[in-house]
Amino acid sequence: MRDSAKLTEIENNHEITCTSDPRFWYEYQSSVLLALQEEGILSAAQYRYADEQLKRQLRMWEVEQ
């Protein structure tokens, strides 16, 4: 049986966007890419390319802050 997560509480509820919280948004998108690679939907090369694009995007968001 796979482990599962359960939401028990929400603190400081606010909308997460690339401008309001770029680091969280990056980590979220990065974890989705990793899950897609682990499921075989993305190849290792596709994952690396997409991850590099996300890192560039994060640097751009951080500069704008």
Foldseek 3Di string as FASTA:
>chain_A
DDDDDDDDDDDPDDDDDCQVDVVVVLVVVLVVLVVCVVVVNDPPVRSVVVNVVSVVSSVVSVVVD
